[in-house]
ModelCIF file with pLDDT and N, C-alpha, C, O atoms, coordinates in Angstrom:
data_MODEL
#
_entry.id   MODEL 
#
_entity.id                         1 
_entity.type                       polymer 
_entity.pdbx_number_of_molecules   1 
#
_entity_poly.entity_id                      1 
_entity_poly.type                           'polypeptide(L)' 
_entity_poly.nstd_linkage                   no 
_entity_poly.nstd_monomer                   no 
_entity_poly.pdbx_seq_one_letter_code       
;(UNK)(UNK)(UNK)(UNK)(UNK)(UNK)(UNK)(UNK)(UNK)(UNK)(UNK)(UNK)(UNK)(UNK)(UNK)(UNK)
(UNK)(UNK)(UNK)(UNK)(UNK)(UNK)(UNK)(UNK)(UNK)(UNK)(UNK)(UNK)(UNK)(UNK)(UNK)(UNK)
(UNK)
;
_entity_poly.pdbx_seq_one_letter_code_can   XXXXXXXXXXXXXXXXXXXXXXXXXXXXXXXXX 
_entity_poly.pdbx_strand_id                 A 
#
loop_
_entity_poly_seq.entity_id 
_entity_poly_seq.num 
_entity_poly_seq.mon_id 
_entity_poly_seq.hetero 
1 1  UNK n 
1 2  UNK n 
1 3  UNK n 
1 4  UNK n 
1 5  UNK n 
1 6  UNK n 
1 7  UNK n 
1 8  UNK n 
1 9  UNK n 
1 10 UNK n 
1 11 UNK n 
1 12 UNK n 
1 13 UNK n 
1 14 UNK n 
1 15 UNK n 
1 16 UNK n 
1 17 UNK n 
1 18 UNK n 
1 19 UNK n 
1 20 UNK n 
1 21 UNK n 
1 22 UNK n 
1 23 UNK n 
1 24 UNK n 
1 25 UNK n 
1 26 UNK n 
1 27 UNK n 
1 28 UNK n 
1 29 UNK n 
1 30 UNK n 
1 31 UNK n 
1 32 UNK n 
1 33 UNK n 
#
_struct_asym.id          A 
_struct_asym.entity_id   1 
#
loop_
_ma_qa_metric.id 
_ma_qa_metric.mode 
_ma_qa_metric.name 
_ma_qa_metric.software_group_id 
_ma_qa_metric.type 
1 global pLDDT . pLDDT 
2 local  pLDDT . pLDDT 
#
_ma_qa_metric_global.metric_id      1 
_ma_qa_metric_global.metric_value   94.15 
_ma_qa_metric_global.model_id       1 
_ma_qa_metric_global.ordinal_id     1 
#
loop_
_ma_qa_metric_local.label_asym_id 
_ma_qa_metric_local.label_comp_id 
_ma_qa_metric_local.label_seq_id 
_ma_qa_metric_local.metric_id 
_ma_qa_metric_local.metric_value 
_ma_qa_metric_local.model_id 
_ma_qa_metric_local.ordinal_id 
A UNK 1  2 95.00 1 1  
A UNK 2  2 97.00 1 2  
A UNK 3  2 96.00 1 3  
A UNK 4  2 96.00 1 4  
A UNK 5  2 97.00 1 5  
A UNK 6  2 97.00 1 6  
A UNK 7  2 97.00 1 7  
A UNK 8  2 96.00 1 8  
A UNK 9  2 97.00 1 9  
A UNK 10 2 97.00 1 10 
A UNK 11 2 96.00 1 11 
A UNK 12 2 96.00 1 12 
A UNK 13 2 96.00 1 13 
A UNK 14 2 95.00 1 14 
A UNK 15 2 94.00 1 15 
A UNK 16 2 95.00 1 16 
A UNK 17 2 94.00 1 17 
A UNK 18 2 94.00 1 18 
A UNK 19 2 92.00 1 19 
A UNK 20 2 92.00 1 20 
A UNK 21 2 94.00 1 21 
A UNK 22 2 88.00 1 22 
A UNK 23 2 85.00 1 23 
A UNK 24 2 91.00 1 24 
A UNK 25 2 90.00 1 25 
A UNK 26 2 92.00 1 26 
A UNK 27 2 91.00 1 27 
A UNK 28 2 93.00 1 28 
A UNK 29 2 96.00 1 29 
A UNK 30 2 96.00 1 30 
A UNK 31 2 96.00 1 31 
A UNK 32 2 94.00 1 32 
A UNK 33 2 92.00 1 33 
#
loop_
_atom_site.group_PDB 
_atom_site.id 
_atom_site.type_symbol 
_atom_site.label_atom_id 
_atom_site.label_alt_id 
_atom_site.label_comp_id 
_atom_site.label_asym_id 
_atom_site.label_entity_id 
_atom_site.label_seq_id 
_atom_site.pdbx_PDB_ins_code 
_atom_site.Cartn_x 
_atom_site.Cartn_y 
_atom_site.Cartn_z 
_atom_site.occupancy 
_atom_site.B_iso_or_equiv 
_atom_site.pdbx_formal_charge 
_atom_site.auth_seq_id 
_atom_site.auth_comp_id 
_atom_site.auth_asym_id 
_atom_site.auth_atom_id 
_atom_site.pdbx_PDB_model_num 
ATOM 1   N N  . UNK A 1 1  ? 3.385   -8.852 8.731   1.00 95.00 ? 1  UNK A N  1 
ATOM 2   C CA . UNK A 1 1  ? 2.309   -9.041 7.754   1.00 95.00 ? 1  UNK A CA 1 
ATOM 3   C C  . UNK A 1 1  ? 1.813   -7.700 7.233   1.00 95.00 ? 1  UNK A C  1 
ATOM 4   O O  . UNK A 1 1  ? 1.560   -7.549 6.038   1.00 95.00 ? 1  UNK A O  1 
ATOM 5   N N  . UNK A 1 2  ? 1.673   -6.720 8.133   1.00 97.00 ? 2  UNK A N  1 
ATOM 6   C CA . UNK A 1 2  ? 1.266   -5.383 7.719   1.00 97.00 ? 2  UNK A CA 1 
ATOM 7   C C  . UNK A 1 2  ? 2.258   -4.803 6.721   1.00 97.00 ? 2  UNK A C  1 
ATOM 8   O O  . UNK A 1 2  ? 1.869   -4.282 5.676   1.00 97.00 ? 2  UNK A O  1 
ATOM 9   N N  . UNK A 1 3  ? 3.544   -4.898 7.052   1.00 96.00 ? 3  UNK A N  1 
ATOM 10  C CA . UNK A 1 3  ? 4.577   -4.352 6.169   1.00 96.00 ? 3  UNK A CA 1 
ATOM 11  C C  . UNK A 1 3  ? 4.573   -5.054 4.815   1.00 96.00 ? 3  UNK A C  1 
ATOM 12  O O  . UNK A 1 3  ? 4.656   -4.406 3.772   1.00 96.00 ? 3  UNK A O  1 
ATOM 13  N N  . UNK A 1 4  ? 4.475   -6.380 4.840   1.00 96.00 ? 4  UNK A N  1 
ATOM 14  C CA . UNK A 1 4  ? 4.515   -7.151 3.590   1.00 96.00 ? 4  UNK A CA 1 
ATOM 15  C C  . UNK A 1 4  ? 3.295   -6.858 2.720   1.00 96.00 ? 4  UNK A C  1 
ATOM 16  O O  . UNK A 1 4  ? 3.437   -6.641 1.517   1.00 96.00 ? 4  UNK A O  1 
ATOM 17  N N  . UNK A 1 5  ? 2.111   -6.848 3.303   1.00 97.00 ? 5  UNK A N  1 
ATOM 18  C CA . UNK A 1 5  ? 0.902   -6.595 2.515   1.00 97.00 ? 5  UNK A CA 1 
ATOM 19  C C  . UNK A 1 5  ? 0.898   -5.176 1.945   1.00 97.00 ? 5  UNK A C  1 
ATOM 20  O O  . UNK A 1 5  ? 0.420   -4.945 0.835   1.00 97.00 ? 5  UNK A O  1 
ATOM 21  N N  . UNK A 1 6  ? 1.435   -4.234 2.714   1.00 97.00 ? 6  UNK A N  1 
ATOM 22  C CA . UNK A 1 6  ? 1.524   -2.862 2.199   1.00 97.00 ? 6  UNK A CA 1 
ATOM 23  C C  . UNK A 1 6  ? 2.479   -2.796 1.021   1.00 97.00 ? 6  UNK A C  1 
ATOM 24  O O  . UNK A 1 6  ? 2.194   -2.138 0.020   1.00 97.00 ? 6  UNK A O  1 
ATOM 25  N N  . UNK A 1 7  ? 3.613   -3.477 1.138   1.00 97.00 ? 7  UNK A N  1 
ATOM 26  C CA . UNK A 1 7  ? 4.577   -3.515 0.032   1.00 97.00 ? 7  UNK A CA 1 
ATOM 27  C C  . UNK A 1 7  ? 3.948   -4.167 -1.203  1.00 97.00 ? 7  UNK A C  1 
ATOM 28  O O  . UNK A 1 7  ? 4.160   -3.702 -2.323  1.00 97.00 ? 7  UNK A O  1 
ATOM 29  N N  . UNK A 1 8  ? 3.186   -5.229 -1.006  1.00 96.00 ? 8  UNK A N  1 
ATOM 30  C CA . UNK A 1 8  ? 2.535   -5.901 -2.138  1.00 96.00 ? 8  UNK A CA 1 
ATOM 31  C C  . UNK A 1 8  ? 1.523   -4.971 -2.809  1.00 96.00 ? 8  UNK A C  1 
ATOM 32  O O  . UNK A 1 8  ? 1.419   -4.941 -4.036  1.00 96.00 ? 8  UNK A O  1 
ATOM 33  N N  . UNK A 1 9  ? 0.785   -4.219 -2.006  1.00 97.00 ? 9  UNK A N  1 
ATOM 34  C CA . UNK A 1 9  ? -0.190  -3.278 -2.575  1.00 97.00 ? 9  UNK A CA 1 
ATOM 35  C C  . UNK A 1 9  ? 0.519   -2.198 -3.388  1.00 97.00 ? 9  UNK A C  1 
ATOM 36  O O  . UNK A 1 9  ? 0.080   -1.855 -4.486  1.00 97.00 ? 9  UNK A O  1 
ATOM 37  N N  . UNK A 1 10 ? 1.606   -1.665 -2.853  1.00 97.00 ? 10 UNK A N  1 
ATOM 38  C CA . UNK A 1 10 ? 2.357   -0.622 -3.564  1.00 97.00 ? 10 UNK A CA 1 
ATOM 39  C C  . UNK A 1 10 ? 2.977   -1.163 -4.854  1.00 97.00 ? 10 UNK A C  1 
ATOM 40  O O  . UNK A 1 10 ? 2.986   -0.479 -5.877  1.00 97.00 ? 10 UNK A O  1 
ATOM 41  N N  . UNK A 1 11 ? 3.489   -2.377 -4.800  1.00 96.00 ? 11 UNK A N  1 
ATOM 42  C CA . UNK A 1 11 ? 4.089   -2.964 -6.003  1.00 96.00 ? 11 UNK A CA 1 
ATOM 43  C C  . UNK A 1 11 ? 3.022   -3.235 -7.063  1.00 96.00 ? 11 UNK A C  1 
ATOM 44  O O  . UNK A 1 11 ? 3.274   -3.063 -8.256  1.00 96.00 ? 11 UNK A O  1 
ATOM 45  N N  . UNK A 1 12 ? 1.836   -3.657 -6.632  1.00 96.00 ? 12 UNK A N  1 
ATOM 46  C CA . UNK A 1 12 ? 0.735   -3.844 -7.574  1.00 96.00 ? 12 UNK A CA 1 
ATOM 47  C C  . UNK A 1 12 ? 0.414   -2.525 -8.283  1.00 96.00 ? 12 UNK A C  1 
ATOM 48  O O  . UNK A 1 12 ? 0.224   -2.495 -9.499  1.00 96.00 ? 12 UNK A O  1 
ATOM 49  N N  . UNK A 1 13 ? 0.356   -1.440 -7.511  1.00 96.00 ? 13 UNK A N  1 
ATOM 50  C CA . UNK A 1 13 ? 0.072   -0.130 -8.104  1.00 96.00 ? 13 UNK A CA 1 
ATOM 51  C C  . UNK A 1 13 ? 1.170   0.269  -9.087  1.00 96.00 ? 13 UNK A C  1 
ATOM 52  O O  . UNK A 1 13 ? 0.892   0.805  -10.159 1.00 96.00 ? 13 UNK A O  1 
ATOM 53  N N  . UNK A 1 14 ? 2.426   0.000  -8.707  1.00 95.00 ? 14 UNK A N  1 
ATOM 54  C CA . UNK A 1 14 ? 3.543   0.280  -9.631  1.00 95.00 ? 14 UNK A CA 1 
ATOM 55  C C  . UNK A 1 14 ? 3.364   -0.464 -10.945 1.00 95.00 ? 14 UNK A C  1 
ATOM 56  O O  . UNK A 1 14 ? 3.551   0.105  -12.020 1.00 95.00 ? 14 UNK A O  1 
ATOM 57  N N  . UNK A 1 15 ? 2.999   -1.743 -10.854 1.00 94.00 ? 15 UNK A N  1 
ATOM 58  C CA . UNK A 1 15 ? 2.813   -2.558 -12.063 1.00 94.00 ? 15 UNK A CA 1 
ATOM 59  C C  . UNK A 1 15 ? 1.697   -2.012 -12.949 1.00 94.00 ? 15 UNK A C  1 
ATOM 60  O O  . UNK A 1 15 ? 1.719   -2.196 -14.166 1.00 94.00 ? 15 UNK A O  1 
ATOM 61  N N  . UNK A 1 16 ? 0.721   -1.341 -12.339 1.00 95.00 ? 16 UNK A N  1 
ATOM 62  C CA . UNK A 1 16 ? -0.407  -0.791 -13.082 1.00 95.00 ? 16 UNK A CA 1 
ATOM 63  C C  . UNK A 1 16 ? -0.171  0.654  -13.524 1.00 95.00 ? 16 UNK A C  1 
ATOM 64  O O  . UNK A 1 16 ? -1.069  1.303  -14.060 1.00 95.00 ? 16 UNK A O  1 
ATOM 65  N N  . UNK A 1 17 ? 1.051   1.150  -13.293 1.00 94.00 ? 17 UNK A N  1 
ATOM 66  C CA . UNK A 1 17 ? 1.401   2.474  -13.780 1.00 94.00 ? 17 UNK A CA 1 
ATOM 67  C C  . UNK A 1 17 ? 1.137   3.617  -12.822 1.00 94.00 ? 17 UNK A C  1 
ATOM 68  O O  . UNK A 1 17 ? 1.278   4.779  -13.204 1.00 94.00 ? 17 UNK A O  1 
ATOM 69  N N  . UNK A 1 18 ? 0.754   3.319  -11.576 1.00 94.00 ? 18 UNK A N  1 
ATOM 70  C CA . UNK A 1 18 ? 0.552   4.367  -10.557 1.00 94.00 ? 18 UNK A CA 1 
ATOM 71  C C  . UNK A 1 18 ? 1.644   4.198  -9.513  1.00 94.00 ? 18 UNK A C  1 
ATOM 72  O O  . UNK A 1 18 ? 1.559   3.327  -8.647  1.00 94.00 ? 18 UNK A O  1 
ATOM 73  N N  . UNK A 1 19 ? 2.673   5.037  -9.600  1.00 92.00 ? 19 UNK A N  1 
ATOM 74  C CA . UNK A 1 19 ? 3.852   4.824  -8.756  1.00 92.00 ? 19 UNK A CA 1 
ATOM 75  C C  . UNK A 1 19 ? 4.005   5.851  -7.642  1.00 92.00 ? 19 UNK A C  1 
ATOM 76  O O  . UNK A 1 19 ? 5.067   5.936  -7.025  1.00 92.00 ? 19 UNK A O  1 
ATOM 77  N N  . UNK A 1 20 ? 2.959   6.634  -7.374  1.00 92.00 ? 20 UNK A N  1 
ATOM 78  C CA . UNK A 1 20 ? 2.988   7.570  -6.254  1.00 92.00 ? 20 UNK A CA 1 
ATOM 79  C C  . UNK A 1 20 ? 1.905   7.219  -5.259  1.00 92.00 ? 20 UNK A C  1 
ATOM 80  O O  . UNK A 1 20 ? 0.766   6.935  -5.629  1.00 92.00 ? 20 UNK A O  1 
ATOM 81  N N  . UNK A 1 21 ? 2.275   7.244  -3.993  1.00 94.00 ? 21 UNK A N  1 
ATOM 82  C CA . UNK A 1 21 ? 1.283   7.115  -2.928  1.00 94.00 ? 21 UNK A CA 1 
ATOM 83  C C  . UNK A 1 21 ? 1.506   8.287  -1.991  1.00 94.00 ? 21 UNK A C  1 
ATOM 84  O O  . UNK A 1 21 ? 2.614   8.487  -1.493  1.00 94.00 ? 21 UNK A O  1 
ATOM 85  N N  . UNK A 1 22 ? 0.474   9.050  -1.752  1.00 88.00 ? 22 UNK A N  1 
ATOM 86  C CA . UNK A 1 22 ? 0.610   10.317 -1.045  1.00 88.00 ? 22 UNK A CA 1 
ATOM 87  C C  . UNK A 1 22 ? 0.400   10.150 0.458   1.00 88.00 ? 22 UNK A C  1 
ATOM 88  O O  . UNK A 1 22 ? -0.650  9.697  0.915   1.00 88.00 ? 22 UNK A O  1 
ATOM 89  N N  . UNK A 1 23 ? 1.435   10.532 1.210   1.00 85.00 ? 23 UNK A N  1 
ATOM 90  C CA . UNK A 1 23 ? 1.303   10.590 2.669   1.00 85.00 ? 23 UNK A CA 1 
ATOM 91  C C  . UNK A 1 23 ? 1.053   9.216  3.283   1.00 85.00 ? 23 UNK A C  1 
ATOM 92  O O  . UNK A 1 23 ? 0.088   9.035  4.026   1.00 85.00 ? 23 UNK A O  1 
ATOM 93  N N  . UNK A 1 24 ? 1.909   8.256  2.981   1.00 91.00 ? 24 UNK A N  1 
ATOM 94  C CA . UNK A 1 24 ? 1.801   6.922  3.574   1.00 91.00 ? 24 UNK A CA 1 
ATOM 95  C C  . UNK A 1 24 ? 2.101   7.009  5.068   1.00 91.00 ? 24 UNK A C  1 
ATOM 96  O O  . UNK A 1 24 ? 3.172   7.472  5.461   1.00 91.00 ? 24 UNK A O  1 
ATOM 97  N N  . UNK A 1 25 ? 1.170   6.572  5.894   1.00 90.00 ? 25 UNK A N  1 
ATOM 98  C CA . UNK A 1 25 ? 1.339   6.624  7.349   1.00 90.00 ? 25 UNK A CA 1 
ATOM 99  C C  . UNK A 1 25 ? 0.404   5.603  7.982   1.00 90.00 ? 25 UNK A C  1 
ATOM 100 O O  . UNK A 1 25 ? -0.399  4.997  7.272   1.00 90.00 ? 25 UNK A O  1 
ATOM 101 N N  . UNK A 1 26 ? 0.482   5.391  9.306   1.00 92.00 ? 26 UNK A N  1 
ATOM 102 C CA . UNK A 1 26 ? -0.332  4.339  9.944   1.00 92.00 ? 26 UNK A CA 1 
ATOM 103 C C  . UNK A 1 26 ? -1.833  4.537  9.824   1.00 92.00 ? 26 UNK A C  1 
ATOM 104 O O  . UNK A 1 26 ? -2.589  3.583  10.008  1.00 92.00 ? 26 UNK A O  1 
ATOM 105 N N  . UNK A 1 27 ? -2.292  5.759  9.519   1.00 91.00 ? 27 UNK A N  1 
ATOM 106 C CA . UNK A 1 27 ? -3.720  5.963  9.321   1.00 91.00 ? 27 UNK A CA 1 
ATOM 107 C C  . UNK A 1 27 ? -4.181  5.422  7.966   1.00 91.00 ? 27 UNK A C  1 
ATOM 108 O O  . UNK A 1 27 ? -5.377  5.231  7.745   1.00 91.00 ? 27 UNK A O  1 
ATOM 109 N N  . UNK A 1 28 ? -3.241  5.179  7.070   1.00 93.00 ? 28 UNK A N  1 
ATOM 110 C CA . UNK A 1 28 ? -3.593  4.695  5.726   1.00 93.00 ? 28 UNK A CA 1 
ATOM 111 C C  . UNK A 1 28 ? -3.713  3.171  5.666   1.00 93.00 ? 28 UNK A C  1 
ATOM 112 O O  . UNK A 1 28 ? -4.157  2.625  4.655   1.00 93.00 ? 28 UNK A O  1 
ATOM 113 N N  . UNK A 1 29 ? -3.322  2.484  6.738   1.00 96.00 ? 29 UNK A N  1 
ATOM 114 C CA . UNK A 1 29 ? -3.429  1.023  6.774   1.00 96.00 ? 29 UNK A CA 1 
ATOM 115 C C  . UNK A 1 29 ? -4.672  0.664  7.564   1.00 96.00 ? 29 UNK A C  1 
ATOM 116 O O  . UNK A 1 29 ? -4.811  1.051  8.725   1.00 96.00 ? 29 UNK A O  1 
ATOM 117 N N  . UNK A 1 30 ? -5.578  -0.080 6.936   1.00 96.00 ? 30 UNK A N  1 
ATOM 118 C CA . UNK A 1 30 ? -6.860  -0.438 7.536   1.00 96.00 ? 30 UNK A CA 1 
ATOM 119 C C  . UNK A 1 30 ? -6.938  -1.950 7.707   1.00 96.00 ? 30 UNK A C  1 
ATOM 120 O O  . UNK A 1 30 ? -6.157  -2.689 7.108   1.00 96.00 ? 30 UNK A O  1 
ATOM 121 N N  . UNK A 1 31 ? -7.892  -2.412 8.534   1.00 96.00 ? 31 UNK A N  1 
ATOM 122 C CA . UNK A 1 31 ? -8.047  -3.847 8.761   1.00 96.00 ? 31 UNK A CA 1 
ATOM 123 C C  . UNK A 1 31 ? -9.476  -4.272 8.439   1.00 96.00 ? 31 UNK A C  1 
ATOM 124 O O  . UNK A 1 31 ? -10.440 -3.634 8.863   1.00 96.00 ? 31 UNK A O  1 
ATOM 125 N N  . UNK A 1 32 ? -9.593  -5.363 7.679   1.00 94.00 ? 32 UNK A N  1 
ATOM 126 C CA . UNK A 1 32 ? -10.912 -5.844 7.285   1.00 94.00 ? 32 UNK A CA 1 
ATOM 127 C C  . UNK A 1 32 ? -11.559 -6.655 8.410   1.00 94.00 ? 32 UNK A C  1 
ATOM 128 O O  . UNK A 1 32 ? -11.050 -6.685 9.530   1.00 94.00 ? 32 UNK A O  1 
ATOM 129 N N  . UNK A 1 33 ? -12.667 -7.304 8.112   1.00 92.00 ? 33 UNK A N  1 
ATOM 130 C CA . UNK A 1 33 ? -13.451 -7.985 9.136   1.00 92.00 ? 33 UNK A CA 1 
ATOM 131 C C  . UNK A 1 33 ? -12.669 -9.090 9.830   1.00 92.00 ? 33 UNK A C  1 
ATOM 132 O O  . UNK A 1 33 ? -13.198 -9.756 10.720  1.00 92.00 ? 33 UNK A O  1 
#
């Protein structure tokens, strides 16, 4: 689920014209309530 949701977020950014994400690592993935 973490991998899939991260991929969906990155693809959304690509669709909006932002295709770079800087320093993707486990500290960049957060969990909501």
